[in-house]
Protein backbone atom coordinates (compact mmCIF):
# COMPACT_ATOMS: atom_id res chain seq x y z
CA MET A 1 5.95 -21.85 -16.92
CA ARG A 2 7.30 -24.81 -14.97
CA THR A 3 6.78 -22.93 -11.70
CA ILE A 4 3.22 -22.00 -12.60
CA SER A 5 2.44 -25.57 -13.66
CA ALA A 6 3.79 -26.83 -10.34
CA GLU A 7 1.68 -24.32 -8.42
CA ASN A 8 -1.44 -25.27 -10.37
CA TYR A 9 -0.85 -28.93 -9.54
CA LYS A 10 -0.41 -28.14 -5.83
CA LEU A 11 -3.59 -26.07 -5.74
CA ILE A 12 -5.63 -28.75 -7.49
CA LYS A 13 -4.38 -31.41 -5.10
CA SER A 14 -4.63 -29.24 -1.98
CA SER A 15 -7.12 -30.77 0.46
CA MET A 16 -6.86 -27.62 2.60
CA LEU A 17 -8.09 -25.48 -0.28
CA LYS A 18 -11.00 -27.86 -0.89
CA ILE A 19 -12.04 -27.72 2.77
CA MET A 20 -11.80 -23.93 2.81
CA SER A 21 -13.89 -23.76 -0.38
CA VAL A 22 -16.62 -25.87 1.21
CA ILE A 23 -16.63 -23.63 4.29
CA CYS A 24 -16.82 -20.52 2.11
CA ALA A 25 -19.71 -21.99 0.09
CA ALA A 26 -21.66 -22.95 3.21
CA VAL A 27 -21.25 -19.53 4.84
CA CYS A 28 -22.23 -17.67 1.66
CA ALA A 29 -25.27 -19.88 1.09
CA LEU A 30 -26.42 -19.37 4.69
CA ALA A 31 -25.89 -15.62 4.35
CA GLY A 32 -27.92 -15.52 1.15
CA TYR A 33 -30.72 -17.50 2.77
CA ALA A 34 -30.68 -15.37 5.92
CA VAL A 35 -30.89 -12.12 3.97
CA SER A 36 -33.66 -13.56 1.79
CA THR A 37 -35.79 -14.39 4.83
CA LEU A 38 -35.71 -10.71 5.80
CA SER A 39 -36.79 -9.55 2.38
CA GLY A 40 -40.38 -8.48 2.23
CA ALA A 41 -40.77 -8.49 5.99
CA ALA A 42 -42.64 -5.60 7.53
CA ILE A 43 -40.05 -3.93 9.73
CA ASN A 44 -40.80 -0.81 11.75
CA THR A 45 -38.16 1.84 10.98
CA GLN A 46 -39.53 4.38 13.43
CA GLY A 47 -36.80 5.76 15.65
CA LEU A 48 -33.97 4.61 13.39
CA ASN A 49 -31.48 7.07 11.94
CA ASP A 50 -31.39 7.64 8.18
CA GLN A 51 -28.56 5.16 7.54
CA ALA A 52 -30.22 2.38 9.51
CA ALA A 53 -33.59 3.04 7.89
CA GLN A 54 -31.98 2.91 4.44
CA THR A 55 -30.33 -0.41 5.30
CA VAL A 56 -33.68 -1.85 6.43
CA GLU A 57 -35.35 -0.60 3.25
CA THR A 58 -32.63 -2.21 1.13
CA LEU A 59 -33.07 -5.55 2.93
CA SER A 60 -36.83 -5.45 2.58
CA ASN A 61 -36.46 -5.24 -1.21
CA PHE A 62 -33.55 -7.62 -1.56
CA SER A 63 -33.26 -9.73 -4.71
CA GLY A 64 -30.70 -11.37 -6.95
CA PHE A 65 -29.80 -8.10 -8.64
CA ALA A 66 -29.43 -6.37 -5.28
CA ALA A 67 -27.14 -9.19 -4.12
CA MET A 68 -24.85 -8.45 -7.07
CA PHE A 69 -23.94 -5.16 -5.44
CA SER A 70 -23.95 -6.39 -1.85
CA PHE A 71 -21.81 -9.54 -1.90
CA THR A 72 -18.81 -7.57 -0.58
CA GLN A 73 -20.63 -7.47 2.76
CA LEU A 74 -19.11 -10.95 3.01
CA SER A 75 -15.62 -9.70 2.22
CA GLN A 76 -14.48 -10.58 5.73
CA ILE A 77 -14.94 -14.23 4.77
CA ILE A 78 -12.67 -13.77 1.75
CA THR A 79 -9.97 -11.96 3.69
CA ILE A 80 -9.96 -14.43 6.58
CA LEU A 81 -9.67 -17.36 4.17
CA CYS A 82 -6.81 -15.60 2.36
CA ALA A 83 -5.02 -15.07 5.68
CA VAL A 84 -5.44 -18.74 6.59
CA PHE A 85 -4.23 -19.83 3.16
CA ALA A 86 -1.13 -17.62 3.35
CA GLY A 87 -0.33 -18.97 6.78
CA MET A 88 -0.94 -22.66 6.13
CA TYR A 89 0.12 -22.96 2.49
CA ILE A 90 3.05 -20.55 2.15
CA VAL A 91 4.55 -21.00 5.62
CA SER A 92 4.17 -24.79 5.49
CA GLU A 93 6.60 -24.91 2.58
CA PHE A 94 9.26 -23.35 4.78
CA ASP A 95 8.49 -25.78 7.60
CA ARG A 96 8.61 -28.86 5.36
CA GLY A 97 11.84 -27.81 3.67
CA THR A 98 10.11 -27.54 0.29
CA VAL A 99 11.66 -24.12 -0.33
CA ARG A 100 15.19 -25.36 0.34
CA ASN A 101 14.67 -28.37 -1.93
CA ALA A 102 13.28 -26.21 -4.73
CA LEU A 103 16.18 -23.76 -4.57
CA SER A 104 18.71 -26.61 -4.51
CA THR A 105 17.36 -27.94 -7.82
CA GLY A 106 18.12 -24.68 -9.59
CA THR A 107 14.88 -22.76 -9.12
CA SER A 108 15.71 -19.11 -8.53
CA ARG A 109 14.36 -17.23 -5.53
CA THR A 110 12.58 -14.82 -7.86
CA SER A 111 10.86 -17.64 -9.71
CA TRP A 112 9.80 -19.34 -6.49
CA PHE A 113 8.52 -16.08 -5.02
CA LEU A 114 6.50 -15.26 -8.13
CA GLY A 115 5.01 -18.74 -7.96
CA LYS A 116 3.69 -18.03 -4.46
CA VAL A 117 2.32 -14.66 -5.56
CA TYR A 118 0.57 -16.48 -8.39
CA SER A 119 -0.92 -19.07 -6.02
CA GLN A 120 -2.14 -16.44 -3.56
CA SER A 121 -3.68 -14.40 -6.38
CA VAL A 122 -5.46 -17.41 -7.91
CA VAL A 123 -6.88 -18.41 -4.53
CA THR A 124 -8.01 -14.85 -3.86
CA LEU A 125 -9.76 -14.74 -7.24
CA TRP A 126 -11.37 -18.12 -6.55
CA PHE A 127 -12.76 -17.09 -3.16
CA THR A 128 -14.03 -13.78 -4.55
CA VAL A 129 -15.82 -15.51 -7.44
CA GLU A 130 -17.18 -18.25 -5.17
CA THR A 131 -18.52 -15.72 -2.66
CA ALA A 132 -20.23 -13.63 -5.33
CA VAL A 133 -21.75 -16.52 -7.28
CA ILE A 134 -23.12 -18.49 -4.32
CA PHE A 135 -24.47 -15.45 -2.48
CA ILE A 136 -26.15 -14.07 -5.61
CA LEU A 137 -27.60 -17.41 -6.75
CA THR A 138 -28.86 -18.32 -3.27
CA THR A 139 -30.62 -14.98 -2.99
CA ALA A 140 -32.07 -15.31 -6.51
CA VAL A 141 -33.40 -18.81 -5.76
CA PHE A 142 -35.35 -17.63 -2.71
CA GLN A 143 -36.27 -14.10 -3.82
CA GLY A 144 -36.00 -14.01 -7.60
CA TRP A 145 -33.89 -11.55 -9.54
CA GLY A 146 -36.11 -8.52 -9.07
CA GLN A 147 -35.55 -5.31 -10.98
CA PRO A 148 -32.04 -4.07 -11.86
CA PRO A 149 -31.16 -1.19 -9.51
CA MET A 150 -29.64 0.78 -12.38
CA ASP A 151 -29.12 0.84 -16.13
CA ASN A 152 -26.44 -1.50 -17.47
CA ALA A 153 -26.40 -3.52 -14.24
CA ALA A 154 -24.14 -6.18 -15.75
CA GLY A 155 -21.47 -3.68 -16.80
CA ASN A 156 -21.59 -1.90 -13.48
CA PHE A 157 -21.34 -5.21 -11.66
CA ALA A 158 -18.20 -6.06 -13.65
CA VAL A 159 -16.59 -2.82 -12.48
CA PHE A 160 -17.81 -3.43 -8.94
CA PHE A 161 -16.43 -6.97 -8.97
CA LEU A 162 -13.03 -5.80 -10.20
CA MET A 163 -12.76 -3.30 -7.36
CA ALA A 164 -13.86 -5.95 -4.85
CA LEU A 165 -11.13 -8.21 -6.25
CA LEU A 166 -8.55 -5.44 -5.94
CA GLN A 167 -9.56 -5.01 -2.31
CA ALA A 168 -9.14 -8.75 -1.68
CA LEU A 169 -5.80 -8.80 -3.51
CA GLY A 170 -4.62 -5.91 -1.35
CA TYR A 171 -5.32 -7.90 1.79
CA SER A 172 -3.73 -11.00 0.27
CA ALA A 173 -0.54 -9.07 -0.50
CA ILE A 174 -0.40 -7.94 3.13
CA PHE A 175 -0.94 -11.50 4.40
CA LEU A 176 1.68 -12.83 1.98
CA THR A 177 4.17 -10.27 3.30
CA ILE A 178 3.38 -11.27 6.89
CA ALA A 179 3.93 -14.93 5.97
CA PHE A 180 7.40 -14.20 4.56
CA VAL A 181 8.37 -12.03 7.54
CA ILE A 182 6.91 -14.17 10.35
CA ARG A 183 7.29 -17.63 8.77
CA GLY A 184 4.90 -19.02 11.34
CA VAL A 185 1.40 -20.39 10.71
CA GLY A 186 -0.09 -19.13 13.96
CA GLY A 187 1.56 -15.73 13.72
CA THR A 188 0.51 -15.17 10.10
CA VAL A 189 -3.10 -16.22 10.65
CA GLY A 190 -3.33 -14.44 14.00
CA ILE A 191 -1.94 -11.12 12.75
CA GLY A 192 -4.05 -11.34 9.60
CA ILE A 193 -7.27 -11.85 11.54
CA ALA A 194 -6.22 -9.13 14.01
CA ILE A 195 -5.86 -6.67 11.13
CA ILE A 196 -9.36 -7.53 9.87
CA VAL A 197 -10.91 -7.25 13.35
CA LEU A 198 -9.10 -3.98 14.07
CA GLU A 199 -10.32 -2.48 10.80
CA GLN A 200 -13.90 -3.45 11.56
CA PHE A 201 -13.64 -2.17 15.13
CA LEU A 202 -12.25 1.20 14.08
CA THR A 203 -14.91 1.51 11.38
CA LEU A 204 -17.69 0.81 13.88
CA ILE A 205 -16.23 3.34 16.35
CA LEU A 206 -16.04 6.01 13.66
CA GLN A 207 -19.56 5.24 12.46
CA ALA A 208 -20.93 5.48 15.98
CA PHE A 209 -19.10 8.54 17.27
CA HIS A 210 -17.32 10.30 14.42
CA SER A 211 -19.20 9.67 11.20
CA ASP A 212 -17.93 12.99 9.84
CA ILE A 213 -14.34 11.75 10.14
CA LEU A 214 -15.25 8.45 8.49
CA ASN A 215 -16.84 10.30 5.58
CA ARG A 216 -13.69 12.39 5.11
CA VAL A 217 -11.40 9.38 5.37
CA SER A 218 -13.59 7.41 2.96
CA ASP A 219 -12.96 10.08 0.34
CA ASN A 220 -9.24 9.39 0.52
CA LEU A 221 -8.27 7.29 -2.50
CA LEU A 222 -5.81 5.02 -0.67
CA TYR A 223 -8.31 4.19 2.06
CA SER A 224 -11.07 3.60 -0.49
CA ILE A 225 -9.16 0.60 -1.84
CA TYR A 226 -9.74 -1.23 1.43
CA ALA A 227 -12.97 0.47 2.48
CA ARG A 228 -16.07 -1.68 2.66
CA MET A 229 -18.30 -1.09 -0.34
CA ASN A 230 -21.67 -1.08 1.35
CA SER A 231 -23.87 -0.64 -1.71
CA TRP A 232 -23.93 -0.09 -5.45
CA ARG A 233 -24.11 3.65 -4.77
CA GLY A 234 -20.45 3.60 -3.68
CA PRO A 235 -17.65 5.54 -5.40
CA VAL A 236 -16.73 2.53 -7.53
CA LEU A 237 -19.63 3.14 -9.87
CA THR A 238 -19.33 6.91 -10.15
CA GLY A 239 -16.54 7.08 -12.67
CA ARG A 240 -13.60 6.86 -10.24
CA PHE A 241 -12.48 3.35 -11.17
CA ALA A 242 -9.17 4.49 -12.68
CA ALA A 243 -8.53 6.88 -9.80
CA LEU A 244 -9.00 4.01 -7.35
CA ALA A 245 -7.19 1.36 -9.39
CA ILE A 246 -3.94 3.32 -9.73
CA PRO A 247 -3.25 3.68 -5.99
CA ALA A 248 -4.43 0.10 -5.50
CA ALA A 249 -1.74 -1.09 -7.88
CA ALA A 250 0.80 1.05 -6.04
CA VAL A 251 -0.16 -0.46 -2.67
CA LEU A 252 0.05 -3.99 -4.09
CA ALA A 253 3.45 -3.32 -5.64
CA ALA A 254 4.87 -1.76 -2.46
CA THR A 255 3.63 -4.59 -0.25
CA LEU A 256 4.95 -7.32 -2.53
CA ALA A 257 8.27 -5.50 -2.83
CA ILE A 258 8.67 -5.73 0.96
CA ALA A 259 7.90 -9.46 0.87
CA TYR A 260 10.34 -10.02 -1.99
CA ALA A 261 13.15 -8.06 -0.32
CA THR A 262 12.60 -9.99 2.91
CA PHE A 263 12.74 -13.34 1.10
CA LEU A 264 15.97 -12.43 -0.72
CA LYS A 265 17.81 -11.37 2.46
CA ARG A 266 16.79 -14.19 4.80
CA ASP A 267 18.33 -17.65 4.83
CA VAL A 268 16.23 -20.65 3.89
CA LYS A 269 16.75 -23.52 6.32
């Protein structure tokens, strides 16, 4: 409890977290406004393939309810912020000697490590909630709520949000592991952003040239944890929540185990 209380105090007082929250809010609000300006516009879909035409149709009827199931389009913002936080918050404690001081006062390595996992998880939850709320509310202000795209929209959104959070936590666990292995701000942030960019690049390549492969890969449960959920029609809302959540938990556990083992074996200077 003492470790958690200390982490809560650090997060509340963190000016870096406040600045990152403002940046996240501004980007999400601009995204909501930008999407809203496209809604209702008469866009010619002639010559577009089926996927592109469907995307245009979705945008032309965008509303607050539609934004509920589209906020993960901004998931790159969440993952980049989580990478920056892991690099600047976790690694900085090694650089400042905070870790050494904490261990010298009797705090166990396990307790300290769990405190950092707690901080990273809380920040990931915060950015996910902030992204969803601001994007949805901004869209609703400019376009209204519209009609729910399905029955029990609130319940389905809760499931959708939980899977989006699991996706973000998966990335955070990877970034946390990188932070413990690299112990460098630039390296952690750089590798984290490189992973995000590489994922997007490979996805675009597969969509453009090998959509059949992408469809097969997307059906794989492990990949689906990190796959972009492009709409409410995704597998999350078709009764596969448990099937996706179990491997997600396994990936999180394996990644954190690597970080923990690395922290136990390496000296703290």
